[in-house]
N, C-alpha and C. Protein backbone atom coordinates (compact mmCIF):
# COMPACT_ATOMS: atom_id res chain seq x y z
N MET A 1 -19.29 123.40 0.55
CA MET A 1 -19.77 122.15 0.93
C MET A 1 -21.35 122.02 0.56
N LEU A 2 -21.69 120.96 0.01
CA LEU A 2 -23.01 120.63 -0.23
C LEU A 2 -23.62 119.84 0.84
N CYS A 3 -25.14 119.98 0.94
CA CYS A 3 -25.55 119.36 1.95
C CYS A 3 -26.93 118.42 1.45
N VAL A 4 -27.09 117.41 2.15
CA VAL A 4 -28.19 116.53 1.60
C VAL A 4 -28.91 115.95 2.96
N ALA A 5 -30.12 116.02 3.15
CA ALA A 5 -30.97 115.47 4.51
C ALA A 5 -31.75 114.47 4.02
N ILE A 6 -31.89 113.38 4.86
CA ILE A 6 -33.05 112.23 4.41
C ILE A 6 -33.38 112.30 5.89
N LEU A 7 -34.79 112.80 5.88
CA LEU A 7 -35.36 112.79 7.22
C LEU A 7 -36.90 112.24 7.18
N GLY A 8 -37.16 111.64 8.01
CA GLY A 8 -38.50 111.34 8.45
C GLY A 8 -39.38 112.34 8.65
N LEU A 9 -40.60 112.28 8.61
CA LEU A 9 -41.68 113.53 8.80
C LEU A 9 -41.97 113.65 10.29
N SER A 10 -41.97 112.63 10.99
CA SER A 10 -42.45 113.03 12.50
C SER A 10 -41.63 112.14 13.42
N GLY A 11 -41.83 112.61 14.63
CA GLY A 11 -41.22 111.68 15.72
C GLY A 11 -39.77 112.05 15.89
N CYS A 12 -39.41 111.71 17.09
CA CYS A 12 -37.88 111.92 17.47
C CYS A 12 -36.93 110.75 17.07
N GLY A 13 -36.05 111.06 16.31
CA GLY A 13 -35.15 109.82 15.82
C GLY A 13 -33.67 110.04 16.15
N ASN A 14 -33.06 109.18 15.62
CA ASN A 14 -31.67 109.22 15.76
C ASN A 14 -31.06 109.65 14.35
N ILE A 15 -30.19 110.76 14.59
CA ILE A 15 -29.73 111.38 13.31
C ILE A 15 -28.22 110.98 13.20
N LYS A 16 -27.79 110.26 11.92
CA LYS A 16 -26.48 110.02 11.70
C LYS A 16 -25.94 110.82 10.63
N THR A 17 -24.62 111.12 10.53
CA THR A 17 -24.13 111.85 9.50
C THR A 17 -23.12 111.25 8.78
N ALA A 18 -23.01 111.18 7.30
CA ALA A 18 -21.87 110.64 6.69
C ALA A 18 -21.44 111.95 5.74
N GLU A 19 -20.07 111.73 5.47
CA GLU A 19 -19.47 112.59 4.34
C GLU A 19 -19.25 111.95 3.07
N VAL A 20 -19.69 112.50 2.20
CA VAL A 20 -19.47 111.93 0.80
C VAL A 20 -18.65 112.47 0.03
N GLY A 21 -17.66 111.87 -0.62
CA GLY A 21 -16.85 112.77 -1.70
C GLY A 21 -17.10 112.19 -2.86
N ILE A 22 -17.31 113.39 -3.90
CA ILE A 22 -17.64 113.20 -5.41
C ILE A 22 -16.50 113.67 -6.10
N ARG A 23 -15.75 112.83 -6.83
CA ARG A 23 -14.52 113.30 -7.58
C ARG A 23 -15.00 113.22 -9.01
N THR A 24 -14.68 114.24 -9.85
CA THR A 24 -14.90 114.20 -11.14
C THR A 24 -13.58 113.83 -11.95
N ASP A 25 -13.62 113.26 -13.05
CA ASP A 25 -12.63 112.89 -13.83
C ASP A 25 -12.36 113.94 -14.85
N ALA A 26 -11.33 113.74 -15.68
CA ALA A 26 -11.05 114.68 -16.77
C ALA A 26 -12.17 114.98 -17.70
N ASN A 27 -13.06 114.02 -17.81
CA ASN A 27 -14.17 114.31 -18.55
C ASN A 27 -15.45 114.86 -17.79
N GLY A 28 -15.36 115.13 -16.47
CA GLY A 28 -16.42 115.67 -15.77
C GLY A 28 -17.18 114.52 -15.17
N LYS A 29 -17.08 113.19 -15.19
CA LYS A 29 -17.88 112.05 -14.84
C LYS A 29 -17.40 111.92 -13.29
N PRO A 30 -18.71 111.99 -12.62
CA PRO A 30 -18.43 111.80 -10.99
C PRO A 30 -18.29 110.36 -10.61
N SER A 31 -17.59 110.24 -9.47
CA SER A 31 -17.75 108.94 -9.11
C SER A 31 -17.64 109.35 -7.52
N THR A 32 -18.38 108.37 -6.60
CA THR A 32 -18.78 108.69 -5.12
C THR A 32 -17.89 107.88 -4.51
N PHE A 33 -17.58 108.15 -3.12
CA PHE A 33 -16.99 107.46 -2.16
C PHE A 33 -17.30 107.98 -0.77
N ILE A 34 -17.26 107.28 0.35
CA ILE A 34 -17.32 107.73 1.81
C ILE A 34 -16.16 108.33 2.31
N ILE A 35 -16.02 109.47 2.68
CA ILE A 35 -15.20 110.11 3.41
C ILE A 35 -15.21 109.85 4.89
N THR A 36 -16.28 110.13 5.50
CA THR A 36 -16.63 109.90 7.10
C THR A 36 -17.76 108.91 6.87
N SER A 37 -17.72 107.77 7.69
CA SER A 37 -18.92 106.86 7.73
C SER A 37 -19.82 107.36 8.62
N ALA A 38 -21.13 106.85 8.52
CA ALA A 38 -22.14 107.02 9.35
C ALA A 38 -22.24 106.26 10.51
N GLY A 39 -21.20 105.23 10.17
CA GLY A 39 -21.16 104.03 11.53
C GLY A 39 -21.91 102.77 11.11
N ASP A 40 -22.72 102.75 9.95
CA ASP A 40 -23.28 101.65 9.49
C ASP A 40 -23.35 101.46 7.87
N LYS A 41 -23.09 100.08 7.39
CA LYS A 41 -22.86 100.01 6.19
C LYS A 41 -24.30 100.62 5.21
N MET A 42 -25.48 100.16 5.75
CA MET A 42 -26.70 100.51 5.05
C MET A 42 -26.64 101.95 5.03
N ASP A 43 -26.43 102.73 6.23
CA ASP A 43 -26.43 104.07 6.03
C ASP A 43 -25.51 104.68 5.02
N ASP A 44 -24.47 104.09 5.25
CA ASP A 44 -23.24 104.75 4.17
C ASP A 44 -23.75 104.41 2.69
N LYS A 45 -24.69 103.34 2.50
CA LYS A 45 -24.89 103.05 0.95
C LYS A 45 -26.06 104.12 0.70
N THR A 46 -26.97 104.33 1.70
CA THR A 46 -28.04 105.42 1.55
C THR A 46 -27.50 106.66 1.20
N ALA A 47 -26.35 107.06 2.02
CA ALA A 47 -25.75 108.27 1.66
C ALA A 47 -25.27 108.49 0.41
N LEU A 48 -24.42 107.50 -0.13
CA LEU A 48 -23.95 107.44 -1.32
C LEU A 48 -24.94 107.66 -2.44
N ARG A 49 -26.16 106.88 -2.42
CA ARG A 49 -27.21 106.91 -3.00
C ARG A 49 -27.82 108.32 -3.15
N ALA A 50 -27.93 109.02 -2.11
CA ALA A 50 -28.45 110.30 -2.06
C ALA A 50 -27.63 111.18 -2.69
N ALA A 51 -26.39 111.35 -2.28
CA ALA A 51 -25.27 112.18 -2.88
C ALA A 51 -25.35 112.11 -4.40
N SER A 52 -25.38 111.01 -4.94
CA SER A 52 -25.28 110.82 -6.40
C SER A 52 -26.51 111.48 -7.01
N LYS A 53 -27.69 111.19 -6.50
CA LYS A 53 -28.88 111.65 -7.16
C LYS A 53 -28.95 113.23 -6.92
N SER A 54 -28.47 113.85 -5.99
CA SER A 54 -28.80 115.19 -5.70
C SER A 54 -27.64 115.84 -6.32
N PHE A 55 -26.37 115.44 -6.54
CA PHE A 55 -25.43 116.10 -7.29
C PHE A 55 -25.64 116.78 -8.39
N PRO A 56 -26.35 116.25 -9.48
CA PRO A 56 -26.39 117.03 -10.74
C PRO A 56 -27.44 118.06 -10.52
N ARG A 57 -28.39 118.06 -9.51
CA ARG A 57 -29.13 119.10 -9.07
C ARG A 57 -28.53 120.36 -8.51
N GLN A 58 -27.40 120.05 -7.55
CA GLN A 58 -26.73 120.97 -6.91
C GLN A 58 -25.75 121.51 -7.76
N VAL A 59 -25.03 120.83 -8.64
CA VAL A 59 -23.71 121.26 -9.48
C VAL A 59 -24.41 121.04 -10.88
N LYS A 60 -24.66 122.06 -11.51
CA LYS A 60 -25.08 121.93 -12.84
C LYS A 60 -23.95 121.67 -13.88
N GLN A 61 -22.91 122.34 -13.72
CA GLN A 61 -21.65 122.34 -14.46
C GLN A 61 -20.49 121.90 -13.59
N PRO A 62 -20.27 120.52 -13.36
CA PRO A 62 -19.21 120.25 -12.44
C PRO A 62 -17.89 120.52 -12.97
N LEU A 63 -16.94 121.12 -12.26
CA LEU A 63 -15.37 121.18 -12.55
C LEU A 63 -14.86 119.65 -12.99
N LYS A 64 -13.91 119.85 -13.95
CA LYS A 64 -13.11 118.68 -14.13
C LYS A 64 -12.10 118.32 -13.28
N ASN A 65 -11.72 117.18 -12.87
CA ASN A 65 -10.85 116.83 -11.95
C ASN A 65 -10.96 117.68 -10.67
N HIS A 66 -12.03 117.56 -10.03
CA HIS A 66 -12.46 118.39 -8.86
C HIS A 66 -12.99 117.22 -7.67
N LEU A 67 -12.65 117.59 -6.48
CA LEU A 67 -13.35 117.05 -5.54
C LEU A 67 -14.36 117.77 -4.81
N TYR A 68 -15.75 117.28 -4.68
CA TYR A 68 -16.75 117.80 -3.90
C TYR A 68 -17.10 116.99 -2.83
N LYS A 69 -17.52 117.79 -1.71
CA LYS A 69 -17.71 116.90 -0.39
C LYS A 69 -19.22 117.30 -0.11
N ILE A 70 -19.91 116.29 0.24
CA ILE A 70 -21.51 116.35 0.56
C ILE A 70 -21.75 115.79 1.81
N ARG A 71 -22.25 116.56 2.94
CA ARG A 71 -22.58 116.01 4.24
C ARG A 71 -24.04 115.42 3.98
N VAL A 72 -24.17 114.21 4.23
CA VAL A 72 -25.55 113.63 4.26
C VAL A 72 -26.12 113.39 5.52
N ASN A 73 -27.12 113.83 6.18
CA ASN A 73 -27.74 113.48 7.39
C ASN A 73 -28.89 112.54 7.17
N ILE A 74 -28.59 111.29 8.06
CA ILE A 74 -29.79 110.26 7.94
C ILE A 74 -30.42 110.16 9.34
N ARG A 75 -31.74 110.06 9.22
CA ARG A 75 -32.47 109.94 10.50
C ARG A 75 -33.30 108.82 10.31
N HIS A 76 -33.34 108.10 11.50
CA HIS A 76 -34.18 107.02 11.88
C HIS A 76 -34.94 107.13 12.83
N ASP A 77 -36.47 107.09 12.44
CA ASP A 77 -37.20 107.34 13.34
C ASP A 77 -37.62 105.91 14.14
N PRO A 78 -37.81 105.89 15.52
CA PRO A 78 -38.10 104.57 16.15
C PRO A 78 -39.44 104.21 15.61
N GLU A 79 -39.48 102.76 15.83
CA GLU A 79 -40.88 102.03 15.55
C GLU A 79 -41.85 102.52 16.35
N PRO A 80 -43.02 102.80 15.82
CA PRO A 80 -44.23 103.27 16.75
C PRO A 80 -44.64 102.08 17.61
N MET A 81 -44.96 102.62 18.85
CA MET A 81 -45.41 101.69 20.03
C MET A 81 -46.53 100.69 19.51
N PHE A 82 -47.50 101.43 18.89
CA PHE A 82 -48.80 100.88 18.63
C PHE A 82 -48.85 100.91 17.09
N LYS A 83 -49.06 99.73 16.49
CA LYS A 83 -49.23 99.69 15.06
C LYS A 83 -50.80 99.43 14.79
N SER A 84 -51.15 100.44 13.76
CA SER A 84 -52.73 100.03 13.52
C SER A 84 -52.64 98.86 12.49
N GLU A 85 -53.75 98.29 12.52
CA GLU A 85 -53.86 97.06 11.72
C GLU A 85 -54.62 97.55 10.44
N GLY A 86 -54.94 98.72 10.27
CA GLY A 86 -55.64 99.19 9.06
C GLY A 86 -57.02 99.48 9.19
N LYS A 87 -57.51 100.18 8.19
CA LYS A 87 -59.13 100.42 8.43
C LYS A 87 -59.92 99.09 8.23
N LYS A 88 -60.94 98.93 9.21
CA LYS A 88 -61.87 98.09 8.97
C LYS A 88 -63.05 98.59 8.35
N THR A 89 -63.59 97.68 7.49
CA THR A 89 -64.95 98.07 6.79
C THR A 89 -65.97 97.16 7.03
């Protein structure tokens, strides 16, 4: 099982997980689909995009007619309570 994480850098957040399937055809060309949803359409789209981008780095020579499963963790950080208006000069 391959794993991808999309995480914020700070704060406590809500982490959702989606499982993405990547199936290769007879020529080794990959196609992606959701196996287990993160519970939100936008999160699922993000998971598909992340899995598609990371797949070539993680699997250098994909097998033909093979199914790969990638677990993608998506973290949403809450909005800050106080927003800065930027630096005043």
